[in-house]
Amino acid sequence: MKFADIKGQEDIKEHLQNAIALGKTSHAYIISGEKDAGKMMLAEAFAQTLLCQDRGKDACGNCHSCKQCQSHNHPDIRYVSHEKPNTISVEDIRQQINNDIVIKPYASEYKIYIMDEAEKMNKAAQNALLKTLEEPPSYVIFILATTESHKIPVTIQSRCQRYDFHRISIDTIAG
């Protein structure tokens, strides 16, 4: 997924691309919006661009790193998953993030953790993530996607760059 493939959300894409170009990426992001609004597409485009070997404002889509990203097989992108249907537990955070975060990236400059449905973290999981967000290693970037940002505690939100999706215009959709 490339930024160029995403229609709408131009201001968010531009901000993320400028952060990459200037080397001023944050260690944590919250992407908030309605269900199926493209939050994960944007998270994956951002991650792919950060890891692209061409180091441009958008992923090239052709290098080894981009191909690994496209096949969801890049060793430096971790998708945080959960076994329980409506809960991301403290064990999920400990096993998939806290126990793994000390291992440096395998193939690139960054290690990226993408968590979809971040609002499903229970209190213990939120506290475990908060401790990690307070002092993350310099090579780590978190991307939390959520449909209900109000369920993410202010203590976590204050440590993240936040992007709220807006509705895409009918003209953009038609185009």
Protein backbone atom coordinates (compact mmCIF):
# COMPACT_ATOMS: atom_id res chain seq x y z
CA MET A 1 0.00 0.00 0.00
CA LYS A 2 1.31 3.40 -0.99
CA PHE A 3 0.14 6.87 -0.01
CA ALA A 4 -0.65 7.47 -3.70
CA ASP A 5 -3.17 4.60 -3.58
CA ILE A 6 -5.22 6.25 -0.83
CA LYS A 7 -7.92 8.68 -1.91
CA GLY A 8 -8.95 11.43 0.47
CA GLN A 9 -7.36 12.34 3.83
CA GLU A 10 -4.89 14.52 1.91
CA ASP A 11 -3.94 16.65 4.92
CA ILE A 12 -3.06 13.57 7.00
CA LYS A 13 -1.07 11.98 4.18
CA GLU A 14 0.81 15.23 3.57
CA HIS A 15 1.68 15.62 7.25
CA LEU A 16 2.98 12.04 7.51
CA GLN A 17 4.95 12.35 4.28
CA ASN A 18 6.54 15.61 5.46
CA ALA A 19 7.47 14.02 8.79
CA ILE A 20 9.19 11.18 6.89
CA ALA A 21 10.98 13.58 4.52
CA LEU A 22 12.21 15.74 7.40
CA GLY A 23 13.14 12.75 9.58
CA LYS A 24 10.78 13.99 12.29
CA THR A 25 8.49 11.03 12.85
CA SER A 26 6.91 10.56 16.24
CA HIS A 27 7.21 7.36 18.24
CA ALA A 28 3.42 6.89 18.42
CA TYR A 29 0.32 7.69 16.37
CA ILE A 30 -3.41 7.31 16.85
CA ILE A 31 -5.48 7.09 13.68
CA SER A 32 -9.16 7.50 14.46
CA GLY A 33 -12.16 7.18 12.19
CA GLU A 34 -15.27 5.29 11.24
CA LYS A 35 -15.24 1.58 10.51
CA ASP A 36 -13.74 0.78 7.10
CA ALA A 37 -12.58 4.40 6.61
CA GLY A 38 -9.09 3.28 5.59
CA LYS A 39 -7.24 3.60 8.88
CA MET A 40 -5.30 0.38 8.36
CA MET A 41 -4.55 1.31 4.75
CA LEU A 42 -3.00 4.55 5.94
CA ALA A 43 -1.09 2.78 8.74
CA GLU A 44 0.31 0.27 6.25
CA ALA A 45 1.22 2.97 3.71
CA PHE A 46 3.02 4.90 6.44
CA ALA A 47 4.87 1.80 7.64
CA GLN A 48 5.82 0.76 4.10
CA THR A 49 7.12 4.24 3.28
CA LEU A 50 9.19 4.33 6.48
CA LEU A 51 10.77 0.98 5.63
CA CYS A 52 11.15 1.53 1.86
CA GLN A 53 14.73 1.27 0.66
CA ASP A 54 14.27 4.29 -1.67
CA ARG A 55 13.65 6.58 1.36
CA GLY A 56 11.24 8.91 -0.42
CA LYS A 57 7.96 10.57 0.56
CA ASP A 58 6.10 7.51 -0.73
CA ALA A 59 7.01 3.86 -0.96
CA CYS A 60 8.45 2.72 -4.29
CA GLY A 61 6.46 -0.52 -4.23
CA ASN A 62 9.28 -2.42 -5.96
CA CYS A 63 12.15 -2.88 -3.49
CA HIS A 64 12.53 -5.99 -1.34
CA SER A 65 11.23 -4.17 1.74
CA CYS A 66 8.10 -2.92 -0.07
CA LYS A 67 7.35 -6.39 -1.40
CA GLN A 68 7.65 -7.81 2.12
CA CYS A 69 5.28 -5.10 3.41
CA GLN A 70 2.75 -5.80 0.67
CA SER A 71 2.72 -9.51 1.51
CA HIS A 72 2.44 -8.76 5.27
CA ASN A 73 5.73 -10.55 5.71
CA HIS A 74 8.13 -7.78 6.79
CA PRO A 75 10.11 -8.78 9.89
CA ASP A 76 10.03 -5.23 11.27
CA ILE A 77 6.25 -4.72 11.14
CA ARG A 78 4.33 -6.36 13.96
CA TYR A 79 0.55 -6.57 13.88
CA VAL A 80 -0.77 -6.77 17.42
CA SER A 81 -3.52 -9.38 17.48
CA HIS A 82 -5.86 -10.67 20.15
CA GLU A 83 -7.39 -14.05 20.83
CA LYS A 84 -10.45 -12.90 22.74
CA PRO A 85 -13.13 -11.43 20.48
CA ASN A 86 -13.59 -8.04 22.15
CA THR A 87 -10.52 -7.62 24.35
CA ILE A 88 -6.86 -6.88 23.89
CA SER A 89 -5.47 -8.22 27.15
CA VAL A 90 -2.38 -7.39 29.15
CA GLU A 91 -0.95 -10.74 28.04
CA ASP A 92 -1.36 -9.71 24.39
CA ILE A 93 0.58 -6.49 25.09
CA ARG A 94 3.26 -8.25 27.12
CA GLN A 95 3.82 -11.08 24.66
CA GLN A 96 3.55 -9.15 21.40
CA ILE A 97 5.06 -5.81 22.39
CA ASN A 98 6.86 -5.66 25.73
CA ASN A 99 8.74 -8.95 25.33
CA ASP A 100 9.60 -8.19 21.70
CA ILE A 101 10.45 -4.48 21.82
CA VAL A 102 14.02 -4.95 23.10
CA ILE A 103 14.94 -6.81 19.91
CA LYS A 104 16.25 -4.29 17.40
CA PRO A 105 14.85 -4.14 13.86
CA TYR A 106 16.04 -6.96 11.62
CA ALA A 107 16.17 -5.32 8.23
CA SER A 108 15.51 -1.60 8.56
CA GLU A 109 15.82 1.50 10.70
CA TYR A 110 12.44 1.11 12.41
CA LYS A 111 10.37 -1.54 14.12
CA ILE A 112 6.69 -0.73 13.72
CA TYR A 113 3.81 -2.02 15.84
CA ILE A 114 0.36 -1.68 14.29
CA MET A 115 -2.64 -2.24 16.54
CA ASP A 116 -6.08 -2.28 14.96
CA GLU A 117 -9.09 -1.86 17.24
CA ALA A 118 -6.92 -0.25 19.93
CA GLU A 119 -10.06 0.74 21.82
CA LYS A 120 -10.42 -2.94 22.81
CA MET A 121 -7.48 -2.80 25.23
CA ASN A 122 -8.58 -3.52 28.77
CA LYS A 123 -7.27 -1.37 31.66
CA ALA A 124 -4.32 -3.65 32.41
CA ALA A 125 -3.33 -3.69 28.72
CA GLN A 126 -3.60 0.10 28.57
CA ASN A 127 -1.31 0.42 31.59
CA ALA A 128 1.22 -2.03 30.12
CA LEU A 129 1.26 -0.11 26.83
CA LEU A 130 1.51 3.22 28.64
CA LYS A 131 4.72 2.15 30.38
CA THR A 132 6.21 1.25 27.02
CA LEU A 133 5.02 4.50 25.40
CA GLU A 134 6.68 6.55 28.13
CA GLU A 135 10.20 5.45 27.20
CA PRO A 136 10.23 3.55 23.91
CA PRO A 137 13.47 2.59 22.17
CA SER A 138 14.41 5.12 19.47
CA TYR A 139 13.74 2.65 16.66
CA VAL A 140 10.11 1.88 17.64
CA ILE A 141 6.97 3.42 16.14
CA PHE A 142 3.46 2.57 17.34
CA ILE A 143 0.38 3.04 15.17
CA LEU A 144 -2.93 2.60 16.98
CA ALA A 145 -6.04 2.49 14.80
CA THR A 146 -9.40 3.01 16.48
CA THR A 147 -13.04 3.70 15.77
CA GLU A 148 -13.61 4.91 19.34
CA SER A 149 -10.76 7.18 20.37
CA HIS A 150 -12.64 8.28 23.50
CA LYS A 151 -11.99 4.78 24.93
CA ILE A 152 -8.23 5.31 24.77
CA PRO A 153 -7.05 6.98 27.99
CA VAL A 154 -5.82 10.57 27.86
CA THR A 155 -2.49 9.37 29.27
CA ILE A 156 -1.92 7.31 26.11
CA GLN A 157 -3.38 9.94 23.78
CA SER A 158 -1.03 12.59 25.19
CA ARG A 159 1.98 10.54 24.10
CA CYS A 160 0.76 10.09 20.53
CA GLN A 161 0.29 12.19 17.40
CA ARG A 162 -3.42 11.99 16.68
CA TYR A 163 -5.11 11.98 13.29
CA ASP A 164 -8.88 11.99 12.95
CA PHE A 165 -10.29 10.86 9.63
CA HIS A 166 -13.03 12.96 8.11
CA ARG A 167 -15.67 11.89 5.64
CA ILE A 168 -14.46 11.77 2.06
CA SER A 169 -16.38 14.01 -0.31
CA ILE A 170 -18.67 12.48 -2.91
CA ASP A 171 -16.60 14.14 -5.64
CA THR A 172 -13.45 12.37 -4.39
CA ILE A 173 -15.28 9.04 -4.26
CA ALA A 174 -16.73 9.55 -7.73
CA GLY A 175 -13.29 10.48 -9.09
